[in-house]
């Protein structure tokens, strides 16, 4: 179990880093695109998504990071959903960092 979690964490960090390096020059966050990609979520995952996207829409990027990461760690997503979520998390983290300055 721990080995699986370590592999998952390494994969998550790698994908986030690749997204940051390769294609995140556009820092605009399209919450409609995220909603569409993750429309199959339900229960707690849906609540976390709504909470994160609401925070993004309000410009509170620091508050958006945690609920989106909860989805990334706890919800099984397909390849497209994972890519959209990881790209969004990368952009939100960059904007949150800028807000702190």
C-alpha atoms as a PDB file:
ATOM      1  CA  UNK A   1       0.000   0.000   0.000  1.00  0.00           C
ATOM      2  CA  UNK A   2       2.765   2.437   0.962  1.00  0.00           C
ATOM      3  CA  UNK A   3       4.744   1.568  -2.175  1.00  0.00           C
ATOM      4  CA  UNK A   4       1.649   2.253  -4.272  1.00  0.00           C
ATOM      5  CA  UNK A   5       1.126   5.624  -2.564  1.00  0.00           C
ATOM      6  CA  UNK A   6       4.777   6.552  -3.148  1.00  0.00           C
ATOM      7  CA  UNK A   7       4.471   5.695  -6.820  1.00  0.00           C
ATOM      8  CA  UNK A   8       1.246   7.696  -7.024  1.00  0.00           C
ATOM      9  CA  UNK A   9       2.887  10.698  -5.356  1.00  0.00           C
ATOM     10  CA  UNK A  10       5.906  10.498  -7.663  1.00  0.00           C
ATOM     11  CA  UNK A  11       3.588  10.328 -10.673  1.00  0.00           C
ATOM     12  CA  UNK A  12       1.555  13.288  -9.426  1.00  0.00           C
ATOM     13  CA  UNK A  13       4.650  15.416  -8.825  1.00  0.00           C
ATOM     14  CA  UNK A  14       6.084  14.461 -12.213  1.00  0.00           C
ATOM     15  CA  UNK A  15       2.896  15.331 -14.075  1.00  0.00           C
ATOM     16  CA  UNK A  16       2.615  18.636 -12.228  1.00  0.00           C
ATOM     17  CA  UNK A  17       6.220  19.514 -13.005  1.00  0.00           C
ATOM     18  CA  UNK A  18       5.843  18.601 -16.665  1.00  0.00           C
ATOM     19  CA  UNK A  19       2.696  20.673 -16.961  1.00  0.00           C
ATOM     20  CA  UNK A  20       4.456  23.623 -15.344  1.00  0.00           C
ATOM     21  CA  UNK A  21       7.439  23.375 -17.667  1.00  0.00           C
ATOM     22  CA  UNK A  22       5.712  22.493 -20.911  1.00  0.00           C
ATOM     23  CA  UNK A  23       2.453  24.251 -21.395  1.00  0.00           C
ATOM     24  CA  UNK A  24       1.443  26.625 -18.678  1.00  0.00           C
ATOM     25  CA  UNK A  25       2.452  29.918 -20.159  1.00  0.00           C
ATOM     26  CA  UNK A  26      -1.258  30.671 -20.374  1.00  0.00           C
ATOM     27  CA  UNK A  27      -2.213  31.263 -16.748  1.00  0.00           C
ATOM     28  CA  UNK A  28      -5.931  31.714 -17.391  1.00  0.00           C
ATOM     29  CA  UNK A  29      -8.023  29.106 -15.666  1.00  0.00           C
ATOM     30  CA  UNK A  30     -11.071  27.941 -17.587  1.00  0.00           C
ATOM     31  CA  UNK A  31     -13.329  26.671 -14.799  1.00  0.00           C
ATOM     32  CA  UNK A  32     -16.014  25.693 -17.325  1.00  0.00           C
ATOM     33  CA  UNK A  33     -13.539  23.337 -18.993  1.00  0.00           C
ATOM     34  CA  UNK A  34     -12.673  21.800 -15.617  1.00  0.00           C
ATOM     35  CA  UNK A  35     -16.360  21.421 -14.715  1.00  0.00           C
ATOM     36  CA  UNK A  36     -17.049  19.732 -18.046  1.00  0.00           C
ATOM     37  CA  UNK A  37     -14.121  17.320 -17.724  1.00  0.00           C
ATOM     38  CA  UNK A  38     -15.057  16.362 -14.161  1.00  0.00           C
ATOM     39  CA  UNK A  39     -18.849  16.363 -14.460  1.00  0.00           C
ATOM     40  CA  UNK A  40     -18.997  12.663 -13.517  1.00  0.00           C
ATOM     41  CA  UNK A  41     -17.845  13.364  -9.950  1.00  0.00           C
ATOM     42  CA  UNK A  42     -20.321  12.910  -7.125  1.00  0.00           C
ATOM     43  CA  UNK A  43     -20.488  13.148  -3.344  1.00  0.00           C
ATOM     44  CA  UNK A  44     -17.473  14.574  -1.518  1.00  0.00           C
ATOM     45  CA  UNK A  45     -15.465  14.806  -4.733  1.00  0.00           C
ATOM     46  CA  UNK A  46     -18.162  16.992  -6.313  1.00  0.00           C
ATOM     47  CA  UNK A  47     -18.256  19.195  -3.205  1.00  0.00           C
ATOM     48  CA  UNK A  48     -14.468  19.605  -3.306  1.00  0.00           C
ATOM     49  CA  UNK A  49     -14.630  20.462  -7.004  1.00  0.00           C
ATOM     50  CA  UNK A  50     -17.360  23.042  -6.434  1.00  0.00           C
ATOM     51  CA  UNK A  51     -15.441  24.535  -3.505  1.00  0.00           C
ATOM     52  CA  UNK A  52     -12.195  24.767  -5.500  1.00  0.00           C
ATOM     53  CA  UNK A  53     -13.795  26.227  -8.611  1.00  0.00           C
ATOM     54  CA  UNK A  54     -15.823  28.727  -6.589  1.00  0.00           C
ATOM     55  CA  UNK A  55     -12.600  29.919  -4.939  1.00  0.00           C
ATOM     56  CA  UNK A  56     -10.990  30.288  -8.382  1.00  0.00           C
ATOM     57  CA  UNK A  57     -13.969  32.264  -9.679  1.00  0.00           C
ATOM     58  CA  UNK A  58     -13.706  34.537  -6.623  1.00  0.00           C
ATOM     59  CA  UNK A  59      -9.966  35.003  -7.173  1.00  0.00           C
ATOM     60  CA  UNK A  60      -9.025  33.230  -3.931  1.00  0.00           C
ATOM     61  CA  UNK A  61      -6.436  30.895  -5.422  1.00  0.00           C
ATOM     62  CA  UNK A  62      -4.894  29.928  -2.094  1.00  0.00           C
ATOM     63  CA  UNK A  63      -8.248  28.515  -0.949  1.00  0.00           C
ATOM     64  CA  UNK A  64      -8.674  26.624  -4.230  1.00  0.00           C
ATOM     65  CA  UNK A  65      -5.509  24.526  -3.961  1.00  0.00           C
ATOM     66  CA  UNK A  66      -6.512  22.152  -1.162  1.00  0.00           C
ATOM     67  CA  UNK A  67      -9.891  20.945  -2.458  1.00  0.00           C
ATOM     68  CA  UNK A  68      -8.450  20.336  -5.924  1.00  0.00           C
ATOM     69  CA  UNK A  69      -5.540  18.360  -4.499  1.00  0.00           C
ATOM     70  CA  UNK A  70      -7.965  16.270  -2.437  1.00  0.00           C
ATOM     71  CA  UNK A  71      -9.612  15.221  -5.697  1.00  0.00           C
ATOM     72  CA  UNK A  72      -6.217  14.454  -7.255  1.00  0.00           C
ATOM     73  CA  UNK A  73      -5.214  12.210  -4.338  1.00  0.00           C
ATOM     74  CA  UNK A  74      -8.502  10.479  -3.571  1.00  0.00           C
ATOM     75  CA  UNK A  75     -10.486  10.137  -6.794  1.00  0.00           C
ATOM     76  CA  UNK A  76      -9.845   7.723  -9.629  1.00  0.00           C
ATOM     77  CA  UNK A  77      -9.855   9.760 -12.843  1.00  0.00           C
ATOM     78  CA  UNK A  78      -9.299   8.871 -16.477  1.00  0.00           C
ATOM     79  CA  UNK A  79      -6.271  10.212 -18.368  1.00  0.00           C
ATOM     80  CA  UNK A  80      -8.074  13.277 -19.763  1.00  0.00           C
ATOM     81  CA  UNK A  81      -9.621  14.194 -16.401  1.00  0.00           C
ATOM     82  CA  UNK A  82      -6.257  13.786 -14.658  1.00  0.00           C
ATOM     83  CA  UNK A  83      -4.537  16.033 -17.228  1.00  0.00           C
ATOM     84  CA  UNK A  84      -7.167  18.770 -16.889  1.00  0.00           C
ATOM     85  CA  UNK A  85      -7.028  18.620 -13.095  1.00  0.00           C
ATOM     86  CA  UNK A  86      -3.214  18.654 -12.951  1.00  0.00           C
ATOM     87  CA  UNK A  87      -3.029  21.600 -15.339  1.00  0.00           C
ATOM     88  CA  UNK A  88      -5.570  23.458 -13.226  1.00  0.00           C
ATOM     89  CA  UNK A  89      -3.722  22.734  -9.982  1.00  0.00           C
ATOM     90  CA  UNK A  90      -0.460  23.970 -11.507  1.00  0.00           C
ATOM     91  CA  UNK A  91      -2.066  27.213 -12.645  1.00  0.00           C
ATOM     92  CA  UNK A  92      -3.855  27.728  -9.322  1.00  0.00           C
ATOM     93  CA  UNK A  93      -0.634  27.162  -7.370  1.00  0.00           C
ATOM     94  CA  UNK A  94       1.177  29.727  -9.544  1.00  0.00           C
ATOM     95  CA  UNK A  95      -1.580  32.277  -8.998  1.00  0.00           C
ATOM     96  CA  UNK A  96      -1.675  31.516  -5.261  1.00  0.00           C
ATOM     97  CA  UNK A  97       2.067  32.091  -5.077  1.00  0.00           C
ATOM     98  CA  UNK A  98       1.668  35.419  -6.887  1.00  0.00           C
ATOM     99  CA  UNK A  99      -1.074  36.437  -4.435  1.00  0.00           C
ATOM    100  CA  UNK A 100       1.285  35.899  -1.506  1.00  0.00           C
ATOM    101  CA  UNK A 101       3.810  38.401  -2.892  1.00  0.00           C
END
